[in-house]
Amino acid sequence: MMRDYKFKRTEWTPRRKRRFGLGTFLRILALLAVAGAGYAIFDYFANRPSQASQGANLPSHIIPLQLPPQPN
């Protein structure tokens, strides 16, 4: 087997460890902001009172009925 002496043999250097940079921090912060906004929108629509219970747009001769509490 012939060896090529023209080129120096080099060993592979280990890859540098990735640093936690500013760009990574900003991406995580943006992801948390989007997730928080999504949860706030979900919470708003899940807990808003329905329009039927407010009595809006009901004629005066209709009485809205209340459901009794359910026993646990």
PDB file of N, CA and C in Angstrom:
ATOM      1  N   MET A   1       0.847  -1.173   0.000  1.00  0.00           N
ATOM      2  CA  MET A   1       0.000   0.000   0.000  1.00  0.00           C
ATOM      3  C   MET A   1       0.895   1.239   0.000  1.00  0.00           C
ATOM      4  N   MET A   2       0.597   2.135  -0.897  1.00  0.00           N
ATOM      5  CA  MET A   2       1.394   3.358  -0.994  1.00  0.00           C
ATOM      6  C   MET A   2       0.748   4.456  -0.163  1.00  0.00           C
ATOM      7  N   ARG A   3       1.586   5.228   0.437  1.00  0.00           N
ATOM      8  CA  ARG A   3       1.095   6.361   1.215  1.00  0.00           C
ATOM      9  C   ARG A   3       1.386   7.645   0.467  1.00  0.00           C
ATOM     10  N   ASP A   4       0.492   8.585   0.620  1.00  0.00           N
ATOM     11  CA  ASP A   4       0.683   9.871  -0.026  1.00  0.00           C
ATOM     12  C   ASP A   4       1.383  10.795   0.961  1.00  0.00           C
ATOM     13  N   TYR A   5       2.635  11.100   0.700  1.00  0.00           N
ATOM     14  CA  TYR A   5       3.402  11.931   1.627  1.00  0.00           C
ATOM     15  C   TYR A   5       3.280  13.412   1.315  1.00  0.00           C
ATOM     16  N   LYS A   6       2.554  13.749   0.273  1.00  0.00           N
ATOM     17  CA  LYS A   6       2.430  15.158  -0.083  1.00  0.00           C
ATOM     18  C   LYS A   6       1.530  15.905   0.902  1.00  0.00           C
ATOM     19  N   PHE A   7       0.568  15.198   1.437  1.00  0.00           N
ATOM     20  CA  PHE A   7      -0.389  15.852   2.328  1.00  0.00           C
ATOM     21  C   PHE A   7      -0.171  15.367   3.749  1.00  0.00           C
ATOM     22  N   LYS A   8      -0.220  16.286   4.648  1.00  0.00           N
ATOM     23  CA  LYS A   8      -0.031  15.955   6.055  1.00  0.00           C
ATOM     24  C   LYS A   8      -1.306  15.317   6.601  1.00  0.00           C
ATOM     25  N   ARG A   9      -1.142  14.258   7.341  1.00  0.00           N
ATOM     26  CA  ARG A   9      -2.316  13.621   7.950  1.00  0.00           C
ATOM     27  C   ARG A   9      -2.785  14.476   9.116  1.00  0.00           C
ATOM     28  N   THR A  10      -4.042  14.739   9.119  1.00  0.00           N
ATOM     29  CA  THR A  10      -4.605  15.524  10.224  1.00  0.00           C
ATOM     30  C   THR A  10      -5.627  14.671  10.940  1.00  0.00           C
ATOM     31  N   GLU A  11      -5.722  14.903  12.206  1.00  0.00           N
ATOM     32  CA  GLU A  11      -6.742  14.206  12.982  1.00  0.00           C
ATOM     33  C   GLU A  11      -7.971  15.103  13.067  1.00  0.00           C
ATOM     34  N   TRP A  12      -9.096  14.457  13.162  1.00  0.00           N
ATOM     35  CA  TRP A  12     -10.335  15.216  13.289  1.00  0.00           C
ATOM     36  C   TRP A  12     -10.376  15.848  14.669  1.00  0.00           C
ATOM     37  N   THR A  13     -10.634  17.122  14.682  1.00  0.00           N
ATOM     38  CA  THR A  13     -10.759  17.810  15.971  1.00  0.00           C
ATOM     39  C   THR A  13     -12.182  17.646  16.463  1.00  0.00           C
ATOM     40  N   PRO A  14     -12.361  17.523  17.758  1.00  0.00           N
ATOM     41  CA  PRO A  14     -13.734  17.407  18.260  1.00  0.00           C
ATOM     42  C   PRO A  14     -14.506  18.699  18.015  1.00  0.00           C
ATOM     43  N   ARG A  15     -15.777  18.540  17.762  1.00  0.00           N
ATOM     44  CA  ARG A  15     -16.627  19.694  17.484  1.00  0.00           C
ATOM     45  C   ARG A  15     -16.765  20.548  18.738  1.00  0.00           C
ATOM     46  N   ARG A  16     -16.762  21.845  18.539  1.00  0.00           N
ATOM     47  CA  ARG A  16     -16.928  22.759  19.670  1.00  0.00           C
ATOM     48  C   ARG A  16     -18.313  22.614  20.263  1.00  0.00           C
ATOM     49  N   LYS A  17     -18.398  22.755  21.551  1.00  0.00           N
ATOM     50  CA  LYS A  17     -19.711  22.726  22.188  1.00  0.00           C
ATOM     51  C   LYS A  17     -20.443  24.015  21.849  1.00  0.00           C
ATOM     52  N   ARG A  18     -21.740  23.874  21.624  1.00  0.00           N
ATOM     53  CA  ARG A  18     -22.524  25.057  21.278  1.00  0.00           C
ATOM     54  C   ARG A  18     -22.749  25.903  22.518  1.00  0.00           C
ATOM     55  N   ARG A  19     -22.675  27.191  22.310  1.00  0.00           N
ATOM     56  CA  ARG A  19     -22.880  28.113  23.422  1.00  0.00           C
ATOM     57  C   ARG A  19     -24.314  28.618  23.388  1.00  0.00           C
ATOM     58  N   PHE A  20     -24.819  28.903  24.556  1.00  0.00           N
ATOM     59  CA  PHE A  20     -26.170  29.441  24.694  1.00  0.00           C
ATOM     60  C   PHE A  20     -26.080  30.934  24.411  1.00  0.00           C
ATOM     61  N   GLY A  21     -26.305  31.321  23.162  1.00  0.00           N
ATOM     62  CA  GLY A  21     -26.110  32.699  22.742  1.00  0.00           C
ATOM     63  C   GLY A  21     -27.366  33.540  22.873  1.00  0.00           C
ATOM     64  N   LEU A  22     -27.216  34.784  22.452  1.00  0.00           N
ATOM     65  CA  LEU A  22     -28.320  35.737  22.531  1.00  0.00           C
ATOM     66  C   LEU A  22     -29.455  35.349  21.592  1.00  0.00           C
ATOM     67  N   GLY A  23     -29.118  34.843  20.411  1.00  0.00           N
ATOM     68  CA  GLY A  23     -30.161  34.433  19.460  1.00  0.00           C
ATOM     69  C   GLY A  23     -31.009  33.303  20.003  1.00  0.00           C
ATOM     70  N   THR A  24     -30.379  32.344  20.664  1.00  0.00           N
ATOM     71  CA  THR A  24     -31.126  31.233  21.263  1.00  0.00           C
ATOM     72  C   THR A  24     -32.025  31.746  22.377  1.00  0.00           C
ATOM     73  N   PHE A  25     -31.508  32.658  23.181  1.00  0.00           N
ATOM     74  CA  PHE A  25     -32.302  33.233  24.271  1.00  0.00           C
ATOM     75  C   PHE A  25     -33.516  33.976  23.724  1.00  0.00           C
ATOM     76  N   LEU A  26     -33.316  34.741  22.655  1.00  0.00           N
ATOM     77  CA  LEU A  26     -34.434  35.491  22.075  1.00  0.00           C
ATOM     78  C   LEU A  26     -35.471  34.563  21.454  1.00  0.00           C
ATOM     79  N   ARG A  27     -35.030  33.461  20.846  1.00  0.00           N
ATOM     80  CA  ARG A  27     -35.987  32.497  20.286  1.00  0.00           C
ATOM     81  C   ARG A  27     -36.824  31.856  21.381  1.00  0.00           C
ATOM     82  N   ILE A  28     -36.188  31.476  22.472  1.00  0.00           N
ATOM     83  CA  ILE A  28     -36.932  30.869  23.583  1.00  0.00           C
ATOM     84  C   ILE A  28     -37.898  31.881  24.181  1.00  0.00           C
ATOM     85  N   LEU A  29     -37.461  33.128  24.317  1.00  0.00           N
ATOM     86  CA  LEU A  29     -38.328  34.176  24.858  1.00  0.00           C
ATOM     87  C   LEU A  29     -39.523  34.430  23.936  1.00  0.00           C
ATOM     88  N   ALA A  30     -39.299  34.440  22.623  1.00  0.00           N
ATOM     89  CA  ALA A  30     -40.399  34.633  21.674  1.00  0.00           C
ATOM     90  C   ALA A  30     -41.362  33.454  21.712  1.00  0.00           C
ATOM     91  N   LEU A  31     -40.832  32.246  21.837  1.00  0.00           N
ATOM     92  CA  LEU A  31     -41.686  31.061  21.931  1.00  0.00           C
ATOM     93  C   LEU A  31     -42.547  31.103  23.191  1.00  0.00           C
ATOM     94  N   LEU A  32     -41.967  31.524  24.304  1.00  0.00           N
ATOM     95  CA  LEU A  32     -42.741  31.645  25.543  1.00  0.00           C
ATOM     96  C   LEU A  32     -43.811  32.731  25.420  1.00  0.00           C
ATOM     97  N   ALA A  33     -43.495  33.827  24.737  1.00  0.00           N
ATOM     98  CA  ALA A  33     -44.479  34.894  24.557  1.00  0.00           C
ATOM     99  C   ALA A  33     -45.650  34.419  23.699  1.00  0.00           C
ATOM    100  N   VAL A  34     -45.364  33.685  22.634  1.00  0.00           N
ATOM    101  CA  VAL A  34     -46.435  33.162  21.772  1.00  0.00           C
ATOM    102  C   VAL A  34     -47.281  32.147  22.531  1.00  0.00           C
ATOM    103  N   ALA A  35     -46.632  31.282  23.307  1.00  0.00           N
ATOM    104  CA  ALA A  35     -47.380  30.291  24.087  1.00  0.00           C
ATOM    105  C   ALA A  35     -48.241  30.973  25.146  1.00  0.00           C
ATOM    106  N   GLY A  36     -47.720  32.001  25.796  1.00  0.00           N
ATOM    107  CA  GLY A  36     -48.496  32.734  26.794  1.00  0.00           C
ATOM    108  C   GLY A  36     -49.684  33.455  26.179  1.00  0.00           C
ATOM    109  N   ALA A  37     -49.488  34.040  25.007  1.00  0.00           N
ATOM    110  CA  ALA A  37     -50.598  34.716  24.332  1.00  0.00           C
ATOM    111  C   ALA A  37     -51.661  33.712  23.906  1.00  0.00           C
ATOM    112  N   GLY A  38     -51.234  32.557  23.434  1.00  0.00           N
ATOM    113  CA  GLY A  38     -52.201  31.518  23.057  1.00  0.00           C
ATOM    114  C   GLY A  38     -53.000  31.030  24.245  1.00  0.00           C
ATOM    115  N   TYR A  39     -52.324  30.850  25.374  1.00  0.00           N
ATOM    116  CA  TYR A  39     -53.036  30.409  26.571  1.00  0.00           C
ATOM    117  C   TYR A  39     -53.984  31.492  27.072  1.00  0.00           C
ATOM    118  N   ALA A  40     -53.583  32.758  26.989  1.00  0.00           N
ATOM    119  CA  ALA A  40     -54.459  33.848  27.424  1.00  0.00           C
ATOM    120  C   ALA A  40     -55.717  33.917  26.557  1.00  0.00           C
ATOM    121  N   ILE A  41     -55.569  33.723  25.250  1.00  0.00           N
ATOM    122  CA  ILE A  41     -56.733  33.724  24.356  1.00  0.00           C
ATOM    123  C   ILE A  41     -57.638  32.539  24.670  1.00  0.00           C
ATOM    124  N   PHE A  42     -57.034  31.367  24.881  1.00  0.00           N
ATOM    125  CA  PHE A  42     -57.822  30.187  25.235  1.00  0.00           C
ATOM    126  C   PHE A  42     -58.565  30.402  26.552  1.00  0.00           C
ATOM    127  N   ASP A  43     -57.893  30.963  27.537  1.00  0.00           N
ATOM    128  CA  ASP A  43     -58.510  31.192  28.843  1.00  0.00           C
ATOM    129  C   ASP A  43     -59.636  32.217  28.741  1.00  0.00           C
ATOM    130  N   TYR A  44     -59.451  33.234  27.896  1.00  0.00           N
ATOM    131  CA  TYR A  44     -60.487  34.249  27.729  1.00  0.00           C
ATOM    132  C   TYR A  44     -61.759  33.634  27.136  1.00  0.00           C
ATOM    133  N   PHE A  45     -61.604  32.835  26.084  1.00  0.00           N
ATOM    134  CA  PHE A  45     -62.780  32.243  25.453  1.00  0.00           C
ATOM    135  C   PHE A  45     -63.388  31.127  26.295  1.00  0.00           C
ATOM    136  N   ALA A  46     -62.604  30.454  27.110  1.00  0.00           N
ATOM    137  CA  ALA A  46     -63.132  29.377  27.944  1.00  0.00           C
ATOM    138  C   ALA A  46     -63.926  29.915  29.131  1.00  0.00           C
ATOM    139  N   ASN A  47     -63.560  31.092  29.625  1.00  0.00           N
ATOM    140  CA  ASN A  47     -64.186  31.606  30.845  1.00  0.00           C
ATOM    141  C   ASN A  47     -65.100  32.801  30.629  1.00  0.00           C
ATOM    142  N   ARG A  48     -65.315  33.202  29.388  1.00  0.00           N
ATOM    143  CA  ARG A  48     -66.211  34.344  29.193  1.00  0.00           C
ATOM    144  C   ARG A  48     -67.658  33.892  29.399  1.00  0.00           C
ATOM    145  N   PRO A  49     -68.481  34.744  29.976  1.00  0.00           N
ATOM    146  CA  PRO A  49     -69.880  34.355  30.198  1.00  0.00           C
ATOM    147  C   PRO A  49     -70.637  34.295  28.874  1.00  0.00           C
ATOM    148  N   SER A  50     -71.548  33.369  28.792  1.00  0.00           N
ATOM    149  CA  SER A  50     -72.338  33.248  27.569  1.00  0.00           C
ATOM    150  C   SER A  50     -73.359  34.382  27.505  1.00  0.00           C
ATOM    151  N   GLN A  51     -73.775  34.719  26.309  1.00  0.00           N
ATOM    152  CA  GLN A  51     -74.710  35.827  26.148  1.00  0.00           C
ATOM    153  C   GLN A  51     -76.108  35.458  26.620  1.00  0.00           C
ATOM    154  N   ALA A  52     -76.437  34.180  26.659  1.00  0.00           N
ATOM    155  CA  ALA A  52     -77.768  33.778  27.113  1.00  0.00           C
ATOM    156  C   ALA A  52     -77.934  34.029  28.608  1.00  0.00           C
ATOM    157  N   SER A  53     -76.850  33.870  29.374  1.00  0.00           N
ATOM    158  CA  SER A  53     -76.968  34.080  30.814  1.00  0.00           C
ATOM    159  C   SER A  53     -76.992  35.560  31.169  1.00  0.00           C
ATOM    160  N   GLN A  54     -76.550  36.426  30.259  1.00  0.00           N
ATOM    161  CA  GLN A  54     -76.583  37.856  30.525  1.00  0.00           C
ATOM    162  C   GLN A  54     -77.975  38.438  30.292  1.00  0.00           C
ATOM    163  N   GLY A  55     -78.809  37.717  29.616  1.00  0.00           N
ATOM    164  CA  GLY A  55     -80.149  38.219  29.352  1.00  0.00           C
ATOM    165  C   GLY A  55     -80.197  39.203  28.200  1.00  0.00           C
ATOM    166  N   ALA A  56     -79.209  39.209  27.367  1.00  0.00           N
ATOM    167  CA  ALA A  56     -79.186  40.136  26.246  1.00  0.00           C
ATOM    168  C   ALA A  56     -80.116  39.631  25.145  1.00  0.00           C
ATOM    169  N   ASN A  57     -80.831  40.545  24.540  1.00  0.00           N
ATOM    170  CA  ASN A  57     -81.716  40.269  23.413  1.00  0.00           C
ATOM    171  C   ASN A  57     -82.840  39.289  23.766  1.00  0.00           C
ATOM    172  N   LEU A  58     -83.298  39.269  24.998  1.00  0.00           N
ATOM    173  CA  LEU A  58     -84.429  38.422  25.384  1.00  0.00           C
ATOM    174  C   LEU A  58     -85.676  39.286  25.535  1.00  0.00           C
ATOM    175  N   PRO A  59     -86.794  38.793  25.083  1.00  0.00           N
ATOM    176  CA  PRO A  59     -88.038  39.540  25.318  1.00  0.00           C
ATOM    177  C   PRO A  59     -88.340  39.618  26.818  1.00  0.00           C
ATOM    178  N   SER A  60     -89.132  40.608  27.195  1.00  0.00           N
ATOM    179  CA  SER A  60     -89.389  40.830  28.622  1.00  0.00           C
ATOM    180  C   SER A  60     -90.281  39.751  29.227  1.00  0.00           C
ATOM    181  N   HIS A  61     -91.052  39.003  28.432  1.00  0.00           N
ATOM    182  CA  HIS A  61     -91.941  37.990  28.998  1.00  0.00           C
ATOM    183  C   HIS A  61     -91.253  36.627  29.162  1.00  0.00           C
ATOM    184  N   ILE A  62     -89.968  36.499  28.784  1.00  0.00           N
ATOM    185  CA  ILE A  62     -89.238  35.239  28.950  1.00  0.00           C
ATOM    186  C   ILE A  62     -88.314  35.361  30.155  1.00  0.00           C
ATOM    187  N   ILE A  63     -88.436  34.399  31.063  1.00  0.00           N
ATOM    188  CA  ILE A  63     -87.588  34.379  32.253  1.00  0.00           C
ATOM    189  C   ILE A  63     -86.493  33.329  32.038  1.00  0.00           C
ATOM    190  N   PRO A  64     -85.230  33.719  32.103  1.00  0.00           N
ATOM    191  CA  PRO A  64     -84.168  32.716  31.954  1.00  0.00           C
ATOM    192  C   PRO A  64     -84.118  31.807  33.180  1.00  0.00           C
ATOM    193  N   LEU A  65     -84.031  30.504  32.950  1.00  0.00           N
ATOM    194  CA  LEU A  65     -84.014  29.541  34.045  1.00  0.00           C
ATOM    195  C   LEU A  65     -82.585  29.262  34.486  1.00  0.00           C
ATOM    196  N   GLN A  66     -82.429  29.047  35.789  1.00  0.00           N
ATOM    197  CA  GLN A  66     -81.129  28.695  36.350  1.00  0.00           C
ATOM    198  C   GLN A  66     -81.089  27.196  36.588  1.00  0.00           C
ATOM    199  N   LEU A  67     -79.983  26.552  36.257  1.00  0.00           N
ATOM    200  CA  LEU A  67     -79.828  25.131  36.527  1.00  0.00           C
ATOM    201  C   LEU A  67     -79.459  24.926  37.993  1.00  0.00           C
ATOM    202  N   PRO A  68     -80.047  23.915  38.639  1.00  0.00           N
ATOM    203  CA  PRO A  68     -79.681  23.659  40.035  1.00  0.00           C
ATOM    204  C   PRO A  68     -78.260  23.100  40.111  1.00  0.00           C
ATOM    205  N   PRO A  69     -77.588  23.294  41.241  1.00  0.00           N
ATOM    206  CA  PRO A  69     -76.234  22.741  41.362  1.00  0.00           C
ATOM    207  C   PRO A  69     -76.266  21.219  41.372  1.00  0.00           C
ATOM    208  N   GLN A  70     -75.272  20.616  40.753  1.00  0.00           N
ATOM    209  CA  GLN A  70     -75.226  19.158  40.686  1.00  0.00           C
ATOM    210  C   GLN A  70     -74.505  18.608  41.912  1.00  0.00           C
ATOM    211  N   PRO A  71     -75.088  17.568  42.549  1.00  0.00           N
ATOM    212  CA  PRO A  71     -74.395  16.978  43.704  1.00  0.00           C
ATOM    213  C   PRO A  71     -73.175  16.189  43.229  1.00  0.00           C
ATOM    214  N   ASN A  72     -72.138  16.216  44.048  1.00  0.00           N
ATOM    215  CA  ASN A  72     -70.908  15.498  43.669  1.00  0.00           C
ATOM    216  C   ASN A  72     -70.915  14.118  44.192  1.00  0.00           C
TER     217      ASN A  72
END
